Amino acid sequence: MPDPILQTQGLDAYYNDFQALYGVDMHVGKGEVLAIIGANGAGKTTLMRSITGLLSNGPGQISYHGEDISQLRADEVAWRGLAMVPEGRQLFPSLSVRENLMIGAQVGRKGPWTLEAVYKLFPILDERKDQQSTSLSGGQQQMVAIGRALMANPDLILFDEISLGLAPIIIKDIYDALPGIIGEGMSAIIVEQDISKALSVSSRVYCLQEGRISLEGASDTVSREEISRAYFGIE
């Protein structure tokens, strides 16, 4: 494949003395949608936090556009064109919908994503732009979180548990919007517990099991038996 936009090499991650990731090697190409699956506690969110600079990393473990970003701060990573939709949305409760969206634009990157573009993608946010963000439904709050990340005009967007806690009809609406989100050559990493959803929108999949990569393959060719073995650590 062409040079990856993002690559991890031997990535370890720790919470104080507890090791959460063990030598993770993965990559995502330009314009590719990558799925990360695994059980609770497998290390999926830790991987996202390491990539985005929210956890400290050793040198040479993460490269982005060929640059070593392993030890950059989260804001420095964001300025380089990497944005995350975090698990639990993490909106600013004192700010309106519009103000939360504008937080994403603070990095100052130019690109197609403006307030108008986000409102076109999610019209309900235009209707409720002056409301306090946390007064919205869970699905609408997830739309705000996605819109905030898009306002940074990233080259790579990370979705951490995109459908967690949402009603099936809202999950469908968000996944239906993904083709409009991941366009113009943008790459994406989707962390998802709904395996069928993850496979349906991605070209490749990695499975994490106890902090290690237990499976890598093309999303349309890996079998459910392979996934089950990798997911649960069955020999």
C-alpha atoms as a PDB file:
ATOM      1  CA  MET A   1       0.000   0.000   0.000  1.00  0.00           C
ATOM      2  CA  PRO A   2       1.099   3.659  -0.277  1.00  0.00           C
ATOM      3  CA  ASP A   3       2.888   5.251   2.650  1.00  0.00           C
ATOM      4  CA  PRO A   4       0.460   5.210   5.608  1.00  0.00           C
ATOM      5  CA  ILE A   5      -0.926   8.468   6.942  1.00  0.00           C
ATOM      6  CA  LEU A   6      -0.602   7.057  10.467  1.00  0.00           C
ATOM      7  CA  GLN A   7       1.526   4.218  11.790  1.00  0.00           C
ATOM      8  CA  THR A   8       2.272   2.821  15.227  1.00  0.00           C
ATOM      9  CA  GLN A   9       5.352   0.684  15.824  1.00  0.00           C
ATOM     10  CA  GLY A  10       5.791  -1.315  19.001  1.00  0.00           C
ATOM     11  CA  LEU A  11       3.376   0.997  20.825  1.00  0.00           C
ATOM     12  CA  ASP A  12       3.241   0.442  24.574  1.00  0.00           C
ATOM     13  CA  ALA A  13       0.924   2.404  26.848  1.00  0.00           C
ATOM     14  CA  TYR A  14       0.731   2.719  30.605  1.00  0.00           C
ATOM     15  CA  TYR A  15      -1.500   4.103  33.320  1.00  0.00           C
ATOM     16  CA  ASN A  16       1.077   4.625  36.049  1.00  0.00           C
ATOM     17  CA  ASP A  17       2.438   1.102  36.664  1.00  0.00           C
ATOM     18  CA  PHE A  18      -0.328  -0.666  34.741  1.00  0.00           C
ATOM     19  CA  GLN A  19       0.541  -1.575  31.146  1.00  0.00           C
ATOM     20  CA  ALA A  20      -2.485  -1.330  28.830  1.00  0.00           C
ATOM     21  CA  LEU A  21      -0.918  -1.793  25.360  1.00  0.00           C
ATOM     22  CA  TYR A  22       1.843  -4.195  24.365  1.00  0.00           C
ATOM     23  CA  GLY A  23       3.824  -3.589  21.180  1.00  0.00           C
ATOM     24  CA  VAL A  24       0.890  -2.543  18.986  1.00  0.00           C
ATOM     25  CA  ASP A  25       1.744  -2.292  15.270  1.00  0.00           C
ATOM     26  CA  MET A  26      -0.945  -0.814  13.028  1.00  0.00           C
ATOM     27  CA  HIS A  27      -1.367   1.606  10.146  1.00  0.00           C
ATOM     28  CA  VAL A  28      -4.051   3.457   8.213  1.00  0.00           C
ATOM     29  CA  GLY A  29      -3.704   4.690   4.652  1.00  0.00           C
ATOM     30  CA  LYS A  30      -4.885   7.900   3.021  1.00  0.00           C
ATOM     31  CA  GLY A  31      -8.635   7.747   2.444  1.00  0.00           C
ATOM     32  CA  GLU A  32      -8.947   4.454   4.315  1.00  0.00           C
ATOM     33  CA  VAL A  33     -11.543   3.591   6.953  1.00  0.00           C
ATOM     34  CA  LEU A  34     -10.070   1.327   9.599  1.00  0.00           C
ATOM     35  CA  ALA A  35     -12.089  -0.496  12.271  1.00  0.00           C
ATOM     36  CA  ILE A  36     -10.792  -1.342  15.739  1.00  0.00           C
ATOM     37  CA  ILE A  37     -12.821  -3.952  17.601  1.00  0.00           C
ATOM     38  CA  GLY A  38     -12.401  -5.754  20.906  1.00  0.00           C
ATOM     39  CA  ALA A  39     -14.097  -6.444  24.209  1.00  0.00           C
ATOM     40  CA  ASN A  40     -14.349  -3.958  27.060  1.00  0.00           C
ATOM     41  CA  GLY A  41     -10.901  -3.411  28.527  1.00  0.00           C
ATOM     42  CA  ALA A  42      -9.099  -4.645  25.424  1.00  0.00           C
ATOM     43  CA  GLY A  43      -7.244  -1.345  25.000  1.00  0.00           C
ATOM     44  CA  LYS A  44      -9.249   0.367  22.258  1.00  0.00           C
ATOM     45  CA  THR A  45      -9.719   3.707  23.998  1.00  0.00           C
ATOM     46  CA  THR A  46      -6.150   3.595  25.282  1.00  0.00           C
ATOM     47  CA  LEU A  47      -4.966   3.251  21.688  1.00  0.00           C
ATOM     48  CA  MET A  48      -7.020   6.302  20.664  1.00  0.00           C
ATOM     49  CA  ARG A  49      -5.700   8.306  23.619  1.00  0.00           C
ATOM     50  CA  SER A  50      -2.120   7.383  22.759  1.00  0.00           C
ATOM     51  CA  ILE A  51      -2.525   8.368  19.109  1.00  0.00           C
ATOM     52  CA  THR A  52      -4.042  11.753  19.987  1.00  0.00           C
ATOM     53  CA  GLY A  53      -1.409  12.669  22.583  1.00  0.00           C
ATOM     54  CA  LEU A  54      -3.670  12.313  25.609  1.00  0.00           C
ATOM     55  CA  LEU A  55      -1.301   9.650  26.944  1.00  0.00           C
ATOM     56  CA  SER A  56       2.462   9.997  26.917  1.00  0.00           C
ATOM     57  CA  ASN A  57       4.345   7.660  24.599  1.00  0.00           C
ATOM     58  CA  GLY A  58       7.912   6.591  24.044  1.00  0.00           C
ATOM     59  CA  PRO A  59       9.821   8.150  21.103  1.00  0.00           C
ATOM     60  CA  GLY A  60       9.419   6.612  17.662  1.00  0.00           C
ATOM     61  CA  GLN A  61       6.204   4.766  18.422  1.00  0.00           C
ATOM     62  CA  ILE A  62       3.698   6.864  16.456  1.00  0.00           C
ATOM     63  CA  SER A  63       4.246   8.564  13.102  1.00  0.00           C
ATOM     64  CA  TYR A  64       1.780  10.801  11.268  1.00  0.00           C
ATOM     65  CA  HIS A  65       2.463  11.955   7.717  1.00  0.00           C
ATOM     66  CA  GLY A  66       5.954  10.565   8.294  1.00  0.00           C
ATOM     67  CA  GLU A  67       6.589  12.748  11.369  1.00  0.00           C
ATOM     68  CA  ASP A  68       7.224  11.281  14.805  1.00  0.00           C
ATOM     69  CA  ILE A  69       4.342  12.604  16.945  1.00  0.00           C
ATOM     70  CA  SER A  70       4.852  10.177  19.820  1.00  0.00           C
ATOM     71  CA  GLN A  71       5.725  12.817  22.382  1.00  0.00           C
ATOM     72  CA  LEU A  72       3.679  15.768  21.199  1.00  0.00           C
ATOM     73  CA  ARG A  73       0.951  17.320  23.326  1.00  0.00           C
ATOM     74  CA  ALA A  74      -2.664  16.733  22.325  1.00  0.00           C
ATOM     75  CA  ASP A  75      -3.039  20.279  20.984  1.00  0.00           C
ATOM     76  CA  GLU A  76       0.094  19.869  18.868  1.00  0.00           C
ATOM     77  CA  VAL A  77      -1.312  16.644  17.423  1.00  0.00           C
ATOM     78  CA  ALA A  78      -4.597  18.393  16.624  1.00  0.00           C
ATOM     79  CA  TRP A  79      -2.827  21.217  14.797  1.00  0.00           C
ATOM     80  CA  ARG A  80      -1.276  18.617  12.500  1.00  0.00           C
ATOM     81  CA  GLY A  81      -4.691  17.436  11.306  1.00  0.00           C
ATOM     82  CA  LEU A  82      -5.830  14.670  13.616  1.00  0.00           C
ATOM     83  CA  ALA A  83      -9.164  14.924  15.468  1.00  0.00           C
ATOM     84  CA  MET A  84     -11.138  12.599  17.735  1.00  0.00           C
ATOM     85  CA  VAL A  85     -14.792  12.118  18.589  1.00  0.00           C
ATOM     86  CA  PRO A  86     -14.271  10.909  22.160  1.00  0.00           C
ATOM     87  CA  GLU A  87     -16.186   8.215  23.985  1.00  0.00           C
ATOM     88  CA  GLY A  88     -18.983   9.854  25.953  1.00  0.00           C
ATOM     89  CA  ARG A  89     -18.915  12.933  23.672  1.00  0.00           C
ATOM     90  CA  GLN A  90     -17.329  15.225  26.325  1.00  0.00           C
ATOM     91  CA  LEU A  91     -19.170  18.383  25.296  1.00  0.00           C
ATOM     92  CA  PHE A  92     -18.773  21.646  27.195  1.00  0.00           C
ATOM     93  CA  PRO A  93     -22.031  21.835  29.191  1.00  0.00           C
ATOM     94  CA  SER A  94     -21.919  25.609  29.706  1.00  0.00           C
ATOM     95  CA  LEU A  95     -21.650  26.287  25.959  1.00  0.00           C
ATOM     96  CA  SER A  96     -24.302  26.285  23.252  1.00  0.00           C
ATOM     97  CA  VAL A  97     -24.308  23.889  20.318  1.00  0.00           C
ATOM     98  CA  ARG A  98     -22.749  26.546  18.093  1.00  0.00           C
ATOM     99  CA  GLU A  99     -20.085  27.403  20.659  1.00  0.00           C
ATOM    100  CA  ASN A 100     -19.159  23.743  21.074  1.00  0.00           C
ATOM    101  CA  LEU A 101     -18.794  23.408  17.313  1.00  0.00           C
ATOM    102  CA  MET A 102     -16.593  26.495  17.163  1.00  0.00           C
ATOM    103  CA  ILE A 103     -14.191  24.911  19.663  1.00  0.00           C
ATOM    104  CA  GLY A 104     -13.159  22.543  16.877  1.00  0.00           C
ATOM    105  CA  ALA A 105     -12.234  25.454  14.634  1.00  0.00           C
ATOM    106  CA  GLN A 106      -9.709  26.775  17.160  1.00  0.00           C
ATOM    107  CA  VAL A 107      -6.863  24.859  15.508  1.00  0.00           C
ATOM    108  CA  GLY A 108      -7.253  27.159  12.504  1.00  0.00           C
ATOM    109  CA  ARG A 109      -6.927  24.560   9.755  1.00  0.00           C
ATOM    110  CA  LYS A 110      -8.520  25.425   6.418  1.00  0.00           C
ATOM    111  CA  GLY A 111     -10.815  22.987   4.664  1.00  0.00           C
ATOM    112  CA  PRO A 112     -14.386  22.172   3.616  1.00  0.00           C
ATOM    113  CA  TRP A 113     -15.871  21.891   7.102  1.00  0.00           C
ATOM    114  CA  THR A 114     -17.557  25.088   8.267  1.00  0.00           C
ATOM    115  CA  LEU A 115     -20.588  25.719  10.464  1.00  0.00           C
ATOM    116  CA  GLU A 116     -22.734  25.739   7.356  1.00  0.00           C
ATOM    117  CA  ALA A 117     -21.330  22.392   6.199  1.00  0.00           C
ATOM    118  CA  VAL A 118     -21.945  20.803   9.613  1.00  0.00           C
ATOM    119  CA  TYR A 119     -25.489  22.181   9.698  1.00  0.00           C
ATOM    120  CA  LYS A 120     -26.106  20.731   6.242  1.00  0.00           C
ATOM    121  CA  LEU A 121     -24.875  17.331   7.448  1.00  0.00           C
ATOM    122  CA  PHE A 122     -26.918  17.502  10.658  1.00  0.00           C
ATOM    123  CA  PRO A 123     -29.825  19.977  10.101  1.00  0.00           C
ATOM    124  CA  ILE A 124     -31.142  19.509  13.647  1.00  0.00           C
ATOM    125  CA  LEU A 125     -28.009  21.244  14.956  1.00  0.00           C
ATOM    126  CA  ASP A 126     -28.870  24.371  12.963  1.00  0.00           C
ATOM    127  CA  GLU A 127     -32.326  24.353  14.523  1.00  0.00           C
ATOM    128  CA  ARG A 128     -30.858  24.027  18.018  1.00  0.00           C
ATOM    129  CA  LYS A 129     -27.619  25.952  17.619  1.00  0.00           C
ATOM    130  CA  ASP A 130     -28.406  28.354  20.483  1.00  0.00           C
ATOM    131  CA  GLN A 131     -29.436  25.647  22.952  1.00  0.00           C
ATOM    132  CA  GLN A 132     -27.158  24.433  25.721  1.00  0.00           C
ATOM    133  CA  SER A 133     -25.398  21.423  24.224  1.00  0.00           C
ATOM    134  CA  THR A 134     -26.178  19.031  27.071  1.00  0.00           C
ATOM    135  CA  SER A 135     -29.919  19.771  26.792  1.00  0.00           C
ATOM    136  CA  LEU A 136     -29.963  17.771  23.551  1.00  0.00           C
ATOM    137  CA  SER A 137     -30.708  14.079  23.227  1.00  0.00           C
ATOM    138  CA  GLY A 138     -27.816  11.615  23.307  1.00  0.00           C
ATOM    139  CA  GLY A 139     -27.884  11.200  19.544  1.00  0.00           C
ATOM    140  CA  GLN A 140     -27.917  14.943  18.944  1.00  0.00           C
ATOM    141  CA  GLN A 141     -25.028  15.378  21.362  1.00  0.00           C
ATOM    142  CA  GLN A 142     -23.092  12.782  19.365  1.00  0.00           C
ATOM    143  CA  MET A 143     -23.772  14.843  16.241  1.00  0.00           C
ATOM    144  CA  VAL A 144     -22.320  17.888  18.019  1.00  0.00           C
ATOM    145  CA  ALA A 145     -19.223  15.882  18.985  1.00  0.00           C
ATOM    146  CA  ILE A 146     -18.788  14.725  15.391  1.00  0.00           C
ATOM    147  CA  GLY A 147     -19.339  18.237  14.064  1.00  0.00           C
ATOM    148  CA  ARG A 148     -16.807  19.664  16.529  1.00  0.00           C
ATOM    149  CA  ALA A 149     -14.160  17.226  15.276  1.00  0.00           C
ATOM    150  CA  LEU A 150     -14.987  18.016  11.656  1.00  0.00           C
ATOM    151  CA  MET A 151     -14.635  21.742  12.284  1.00  0.00           C
ATOM    152  CA  ALA A 152     -10.926  21.070  12.837  1.00  0.00           C
ATOM    153  CA  ASN A 153     -10.758  19.964   9.182  1.00  0.00           C
ATOM    154  CA  PRO A 154      -8.656  16.900   9.994  1.00  0.00           C
ATOM    155  CA  ASP A 155      -6.913  14.559   7.588  1.00  0.00           C
ATOM    156  CA  LEU A 156      -7.636  11.706  10.014  1.00  0.00           C
ATOM    157  CA  ILE A 157     -10.669  11.470  12.279  1.00  0.00           C
ATOM    158  CA  LEU A 158     -11.019   8.969  15.119  1.00  0.00           C
ATOM    159  CA  PHE A 159     -14.424   7.815  16.345  1.00  0.00           C
ATOM    160  CA  ASP A 160     -14.248   6.231  19.806  1.00  0.00           C
ATOM    161  CA  GLU A 161     -17.364   4.100  20.455  1.00  0.00           C
ATOM    162  CA  ILE A 162     -19.460   6.067  17.981  1.00  0.00           C
ATOM    163  CA  SER A 163     -22.737   4.243  18.756  1.00  0.00           C
ATOM    164  CA  LEU A 164     -22.338   3.661  22.502  1.00  0.00           C
ATOM    165  CA  GLY A 165     -25.604   4.164  24.376  1.00  0.00           C
ATOM    166  CA  LEU A 166     -27.582   5.365  21.363  1.00  0.00           C
ATOM    167  CA  ALA A 167     -30.921   4.092  20.084  1.00  0.00           C
ATOM    168  CA  PRO A 168     -30.747   1.915  16.940  1.00  0.00           C
ATOM    169  CA  ILE A 169     -32.489   4.521  14.768  1.00  0.00           C
ATOM    170  CA  ILE A 170     -29.949   7.173  15.826  1.00  0.00           C
ATOM    171  CA  ILE A 171     -27.064   4.785  15.167  1.00  0.00           C
ATOM    172  CA  LYS A 172     -28.453   4.223  11.670  1.00  0.00           C
ATOM    173  CA  ASP A 173     -28.711   7.984  11.069  1.00  0.00           C
ATOM    174  CA  ILE A 174     -25.095   8.527  12.134  1.00  0.00           C
ATOM    175  CA  TYR A 175     -23.771   5.659  10.035  1.00  0.00           C
ATOM    176  CA  ASP A 176     -25.831   6.875   7.070  1.00  0.00           C
ATOM    177  CA  ALA A 177     -24.025  10.213   7.440  1.00  0.00           C
ATOM    178  CA  LEU A 178     -20.558   8.650   7.412  1.00  0.00           C
ATOM    179  CA  PRO A 179     -20.092   8.686   3.615  1.00  0.00           C
ATOM    180  CA  GLY A 180     -20.614  12.449   3.736  1.00  0.00           C
ATOM    181  CA  ILE A 181     -18.154  12.740   6.606  1.00  0.00           C
ATOM    182  CA  ILE A 182     -15.376  10.584   5.229  1.00  0.00           C
ATOM    183  CA  GLY A 183     -14.900  12.104   1.818  1.00  0.00           C
ATOM    184  CA  GLU A 184     -12.379  14.227   0.004  1.00  0.00           C
ATOM    185  CA  GLY A 185      -9.633  11.752   0.905  1.00  0.00           C
ATOM    186  CA  MET A 186     -10.158  11.913   4.683  1.00  0.00           C
ATOM    187  CA  SER A 187      -9.055   8.822   6.635  1.00  0.00           C
ATOM    188  CA  ALA A 188     -10.878   7.427   9.645  1.00  0.00           C
ATOM    189  CA  ILE A 189     -10.437   5.011  12.517  1.00  0.00           C
ATOM    190  CA  ILE A 190     -13.683   3.690  13.982  1.00  0.00           C
ATOM    191  CA  VAL A 191     -13.677   2.023  17.395  1.00  0.00           C
ATOM    192  CA  GLU A 192     -16.894   0.082  17.662  1.00  0.00           C
ATOM    193  CA  GLN A 193     -18.352  -2.755  19.735  1.00  0.00           C
ATOM    194  CA  ASP A 194     -20.991  -3.490  17.085  1.00  0.00           C
ATOM    195  CA  ILE A 195     -18.850  -5.757  14.936  1.00  0.00           C
ATOM    196  CA  SER A 196     -21.283  -5.855  12.013  1.00  0.00           C
ATOM    197  CA  LYS A 197     -21.383  -2.063  11.833  1.00  0.00           C
ATOM    198  CA  ALA A 198     -17.614  -1.814  12.080  1.00  0.00           C
ATOM    199  CA  LEU A 199     -17.056  -4.289   9.265  1.00  0.00           C
ATOM    200  CA  SER A 200     -19.723  -2.733   7.041  1.00  0.00           C
ATOM    201  CA  VAL A 201     -18.037   0.686   6.846  1.00  0.00           C
ATOM    202  CA  SER A 202     -14.339  -0.246   6.958  1.00  0.00           C
ATOM    203  CA  SER A 203     -11.828  -1.677   4.531  1.00  0.00           C
ATOM    204  CA  ARG A 204      -9.628  -3.315   7.184  1.00  0.00           C
ATOM    205  CA  VAL A 205     -10.073  -4.368  10.776  1.00  0.00           C
ATOM    206  CA  TYR A 206      -7.820  -4.884  13.780  1.00  0.00           C
ATOM    207  CA  CYS A 207      -8.966  -6.757  16.868  1.00  0.00           C
ATOM    208  CA  LEU A 208      -7.416  -5.940  20.238  1.00  0.00           C
ATOM    209  CA  GLN A 209      -7.315  -8.526  22.998  1.00  0.00           C
ATOM    210  CA  GLU A 210      -5.763  -7.643  26.358  1.00  0.00           C
ATOM    211  CA  GLY A 211      -3.734  -4.818  24.837  1.00  0.00           C
ATOM    212  CA  ARG A 212      -2.350  -6.792  21.903  1.00  0.00           C
ATOM    213  CA  ILE A 213      -3.326  -7.072  18.247  1.00  0.00           C
ATOM    214  CA  SER A 214      -4.980 -10.480  17.948  1.00  0.00           C
ATOM    215  CA  LEU A 215      -6.291 -10.138  14.379  1.00  0.00           C
ATOM    216  CA  GLU A 216      -5.696  -8.008  11.294  1.00  0.00           C
ATOM    217  CA  GLY A 217      -7.459  -8.466   7.986  1.00  0.00           C
ATOM    218  CA  ALA A 218      -9.678  -7.146   5.221  1.00  0.00           C
ATOM    219  CA  SER A 219     -13.131  -6.417   6.600  1.00  0.00           C
ATOM    220  CA  ASP A 220     -14.885  -8.264   3.789  1.00  0.00           C
ATOM    221  CA  THR A 221     -12.845 -11.458   4.118  1.00  0.00           C
ATOM    222  CA  VAL A 222     -12.311 -12.098   7.851  1.00  0.00           C
ATOM    223  CA  SER A 223     -14.653 -14.777   9.111  1.00  0.00           C
ATOM    224  CA  ARG A 224     -16.820 -14.643  12.207  1.00  0.00           C
ATOM    225  CA  GLU A 225     -14.900 -17.642  13.526  1.00  0.00           C
ATOM    226  CA  GLU A 226     -11.602 -15.755  13.194  1.00  0.00           C
ATOM    227  CA  ILE A 227     -13.124 -12.729  14.898  1.00  0.00           C
ATOM    228  CA  SER A 228     -14.531 -14.830  17.753  1.00  0.00           C
ATOM    229  CA  ARG A 229     -11.159 -16.436  18.373  1.00  0.00           C
ATOM    230  CA  ALA A 230      -9.370 -13.093  18.294  1.00  0.00           C
ATOM    231  CA  TYR A 231     -12.039 -11.317  20.356  1.00  0.00           C
ATOM    232  CA  PHE A 232     -12.101 -13.811  23.202  1.00  0.00           C
ATOM    233  CA  GLY A 233      -8.530 -15.090  22.983  1.00  0.00           C
ATOM    234  CA  ILE A 234      -9.610 -18.607  22.076  1.00  0.00           C
ATOM    235  CA  GLU A 235      -6.830 -20.815  20.785  1.00  0.00           C
END
